[in-house]
Amino acid sequence: MNKRNALKWIASWLGLTVTSTLLSACSENKPAFAAIDITGADYARDFALTDHNGQARSLKDFAGKVVVLFFGYTQCPDVCPTSMLELVEVKKLLGKQGERVQGLFVTVDPARDTPPVLKAYMENFDPSFLALYTTPEKLQALAKDYKVYYKKVDGPTPTSYSMDHSAGSYVYDPQGKLRLYTRYGSGAALLAADIKLLLQ
């Protein structure tokens, strides 16, 4: 017995009349995302940051695009460049639809990641990607709102420190609503498939 017939049988047994609209609503399939579906989350809803060109930015600036937002720092040896390269691959996999993907990189190391450094870093990956920054004080509040962890780890010299940080990305739909959290290393193909669903 399929789901539709099962619903009819249950309704009949209970003495209820079930409309076709109700039946279709019950059997409607929601998109099956590979990433973690966090639609309706009450955090990470927006930001007020400055991009590497000195322009104030918030989510509304990217209306009509799927936004993929990642926290990191330019001197990261592995996680950050890997994540950026993966997003470049995602855009390629999406073809023409890739133009509707906006990559955003929020630095957790504003002391070293100056606007010129951030701009040069983004150009290594995709000229349409934007790096964003704020003051150390505002970064703390932003990280708390986004449930992002970051911590300075001292190195042999005062300027050779590293930053421990969360490694996932937030994905917003073209209406600017938070929809997905994708873990580091999930792969470009899965993220591209999820973004395709959000662009439909």
Protein backbone atom coordinates (compact mmCIF):
# COMPACT_ATOMS: atom_id res chain seq x y z
CA MET A 1 0.00 0.00 0.00
CA ASN A 2 1.47 3.36 -1.00
CA LYS A 3 1.42 6.43 1.22
CA ARG A 4 -1.58 8.02 -0.52
CA ASN A 5 -3.74 4.89 -0.21
CA ALA A 6 -2.62 4.43 3.38
CA LEU A 7 -3.80 7.96 4.20
CA LYS A 8 -7.17 7.27 2.55
CA TRP A 9 -7.54 4.02 4.50
CA ILE A 10 -6.70 5.72 7.83
CA ALA A 11 -9.11 8.56 7.05
CA SER A 12 -11.86 6.08 6.16
CA TRP A 13 -11.22 4.06 9.33
CA LEU A 14 -11.48 7.26 11.40
CA GLY A 15 -14.63 8.31 9.55
CA LEU A 16 -12.97 11.40 8.12
CA THR A 17 -13.11 12.97 4.69
CA VAL A 18 -9.67 13.88 3.41
CA THR A 19 -9.39 16.30 0.53
CA SER A 20 -6.87 15.80 -2.26
CA THR A 21 -5.15 19.01 -1.14
CA LEU A 22 -4.53 17.57 2.30
CA LEU A 23 -3.31 14.33 0.80
CA SER A 24 -0.89 16.13 -1.48
CA ALA A 25 0.34 18.28 1.42
CA CYS A 26 0.98 15.18 3.52
CA SER A 27 2.89 13.44 0.79
CA GLU A 28 4.79 16.46 -0.46
CA ASN A 29 8.54 15.86 -0.46
CA LYS A 30 10.76 18.57 0.99
CA PRO A 31 14.14 19.08 -0.70
CA ALA A 32 16.68 16.56 0.53
CA PHE A 33 19.78 18.61 1.23
CA ALA A 34 23.20 17.03 1.73
CA ALA A 35 24.16 19.82 4.16
CA ILE A 36 22.51 20.36 7.54
CA ASP A 37 19.15 22.06 7.04
CA ILE A 38 18.90 24.91 9.57
CA THR A 39 15.97 26.71 7.96
CA GLY A 40 14.24 28.89 10.54
CA ALA A 41 17.26 29.16 12.86
CA ASP A 42 17.13 32.19 15.15
CA TYR A 43 20.82 33.06 14.75
CA ALA A 44 23.20 34.16 11.97
CA ARG A 45 20.41 36.13 10.31
CA ASP A 46 22.47 39.09 9.11
CA PHE A 47 25.70 41.00 9.52
CA ALA A 48 27.07 44.54 9.25
CA LEU A 49 30.65 44.29 7.95
CA THR A 50 33.05 46.08 5.61
CA ASP A 51 34.35 44.42 2.45
CA HIS A 52 37.94 44.53 1.21
CA ASN A 53 37.03 47.49 -1.03
CA GLY A 54 35.91 49.55 1.95
CA GLN A 55 32.17 49.17 1.26
CA ALA A 56 29.66 48.50 4.06
CA ARG A 57 27.92 45.19 3.50
CA SER A 58 24.90 43.25 4.77
CA LEU A 59 22.91 40.31 3.41
CA LYS A 60 20.48 42.52 1.50
CA ASP A 61 23.33 43.51 -0.84
CA PHE A 62 23.27 39.98 -2.27
CA ALA A 63 19.53 39.57 -2.89
CA GLY A 64 18.84 37.10 -5.69
CA LYS A 65 22.00 35.13 -5.00
CA VAL A 66 22.83 32.13 -2.86
CA VAL A 67 25.38 33.35 -0.31
CA VAL A 68 28.02 31.01 1.08
CA LEU A 69 29.68 32.57 4.13
CA PHE A 70 32.84 31.21 5.74
CA PHE A 71 34.92 32.40 8.73
CA GLY A 72 38.70 32.08 8.47
CA TYR A 73 41.97 33.96 8.04
CA THR A 74 44.40 34.49 5.18
CA GLN A 75 47.42 32.83 6.80
CA CYS A 76 45.49 29.60 7.42
CA PRO A 77 47.61 26.78 5.97
CA ASP A 78 44.91 24.34 4.92
CA VAL A 79 41.22 24.65 5.89
CA CYS A 80 40.62 28.15 4.51
CA PRO A 81 42.27 27.79 1.10
CA THR A 82 40.67 24.36 0.68
CA SER A 83 37.23 25.80 1.46
CA MET A 84 37.73 28.68 -0.98
CA LEU A 85 38.92 26.34 -3.74
CA GLU A 86 35.92 24.11 -3.13
CA LEU A 87 33.61 27.10 -3.62
CA VAL A 88 35.40 27.93 -6.88
CA GLU A 89 34.70 24.36 -7.99
CA VAL A 90 31.05 24.70 -6.94
CA LYS A 91 30.66 27.70 -9.24
CA LYS A 92 32.19 25.75 -12.13
CA LEU A 93 29.89 22.79 -11.54
CA LEU A 94 26.85 25.09 -11.61
CA GLY A 95 27.79 26.58 -14.99
CA LYS A 96 25.71 29.67 -15.78
CA GLN A 97 23.93 29.35 -12.43
CA GLY A 98 27.30 29.84 -10.74
CA GLU A 99 26.93 33.57 -11.42
CA ARG A 100 24.20 33.56 -8.77
CA VAL A 101 26.56 32.31 -6.04
CA GLN A 102 28.27 34.84 -3.78
CA GLY A 103 31.27 33.69 -1.75
CA LEU A 104 31.94 35.67 1.44
CA PHE A 105 35.01 35.23 3.65
CA VAL A 106 34.88 36.78 7.14
CA THR A 107 38.29 37.16 8.74
CA VAL A 108 38.81 36.14 12.36
CA ASP A 109 42.24 37.82 12.25
CA PRO A 110 41.57 41.52 11.61
CA ALA A 111 44.95 42.51 13.07
CA ARG A 112 46.84 40.97 10.14
CA ASP A 113 44.09 40.72 7.54
CA THR A 114 44.04 44.30 6.34
CA PRO A 115 41.88 45.28 3.33
CA PRO A 116 44.79 45.02 0.83
CA VAL A 117 45.75 41.59 2.20
CA LEU A 118 42.14 40.41 2.02
CA LYS A 119 41.69 41.71 -1.51
CA ALA A 120 44.84 39.94 -2.74
CA TYR A 121 43.70 36.75 -1.01
CA MET A 122 40.29 36.77 -2.71
CA GLU A 123 41.86 37.38 -6.11
CA ASN A 124 43.71 34.07 -5.71
CA PHE A 125 40.35 32.31 -5.86
CA ASP A 126 37.58 34.25 -7.59
CA PRO A 127 37.39 38.01 -8.23
CA SER A 128 33.67 37.99 -7.38
CA PHE A 129 34.31 36.66 -3.85
CA LEU A 130 34.41 39.26 -1.11
CA ALA A 131 36.39 39.28 2.13
CA LEU A 132 34.73 41.00 5.08
CA TYR A 133 36.12 42.42 8.30
CA THR A 134 35.22 44.36 11.42
CA THR A 135 36.87 45.48 14.64
CA PRO A 136 38.08 42.85 17.15
CA GLU A 137 35.33 43.90 19.57
CA LYS A 138 32.53 43.62 17.02
CA LEU A 139 33.99 40.36 15.74
CA GLN A 140 33.44 38.80 19.16
CA ALA A 141 29.74 39.70 19.08
CA LEU A 142 29.40 38.50 15.49
CA ALA A 143 31.08 35.17 16.25
CA LYS A 144 28.74 34.66 19.18
CA ASP A 145 25.70 35.34 17.00
CA TYR A 146 27.00 32.95 14.33
CA LYS A 147 28.04 30.30 16.88
CA VAL A 148 31.57 30.45 15.50
CA TYR A 149 34.62 29.51 17.54
CA TYR A 150 37.98 31.21 17.06
CA LYS A 151 41.06 31.55 19.27
CA LYS A 152 44.54 32.95 18.82
CA VAL A 153 47.32 30.38 19.25
CA ASP A 154 50.70 31.92 20.02
CA GLY A 155 53.64 31.16 17.73
CA PRO A 156 57.41 31.60 18.11
CA THR A 157 57.13 35.36 17.46
CA PRO A 158 54.34 37.88 18.22
CA THR A 159 53.27 38.00 14.55
CA SER A 160 53.58 34.32 13.68
CA TYR A 161 50.56 33.14 15.63
CA SER A 162 47.81 30.95 14.15
CA MET A 163 44.05 30.98 14.66
CA ASP A 164 41.97 28.00 15.66
CA HIS A 165 38.49 28.43 14.20
CA SER A 166 35.27 26.73 13.14
CA ALA A 167 35.46 25.31 9.65
CA GLY A 168 31.89 25.12 8.30
CA SER A 169 30.00 27.47 5.98
CA TYR A 170 26.57 29.08 6.22
CA VAL A 171 24.39 29.06 3.11
CA TYR A 172 21.64 31.64 2.51
CA ASP A 173 18.95 31.38 -0.15
CA PRO A 174 18.29 34.10 -2.77
CA GLN A 175 15.82 35.77 -0.38
CA GLY A 176 18.57 36.19 2.22
CA LYS A 177 17.25 33.52 4.58
CA LEU A 178 19.61 31.19 6.39
CA ARG A 179 19.04 27.65 5.09
CA LEU A 180 22.07 25.38 5.44
CA TYR A 181 25.23 24.68 7.37
CA THR A 182 27.80 22.72 5.40
CA ARG A 183 30.68 21.01 7.17
CA TYR A 184 34.27 21.38 6.04
CA GLY A 185 35.28 18.75 3.52
CA SER A 186 31.75 17.85 2.40
CA GLY A 187 32.79 18.21 -1.24
CA ALA A 188 31.98 20.58 -4.09
CA ALA A 189 29.51 18.23 -5.81
CA LEU A 190 27.21 17.96 -2.77
CA LEU A 191 27.27 21.70 -2.11
CA ALA A 192 26.60 22.44 -5.79
CA ALA A 193 23.57 20.11 -5.69
CA ASP A 194 22.23 21.87 -2.58
CA ILE A 195 22.71 25.30 -4.12
CA LYS A 196 20.92 24.16 -7.26
CA LEU A 197 17.90 23.27 -5.11
CA LEU A 198 17.99 26.70 -3.44
CA LEU A 199 18.13 28.43 -6.83
CA GLN A 200 15.01 26.67 -8.13
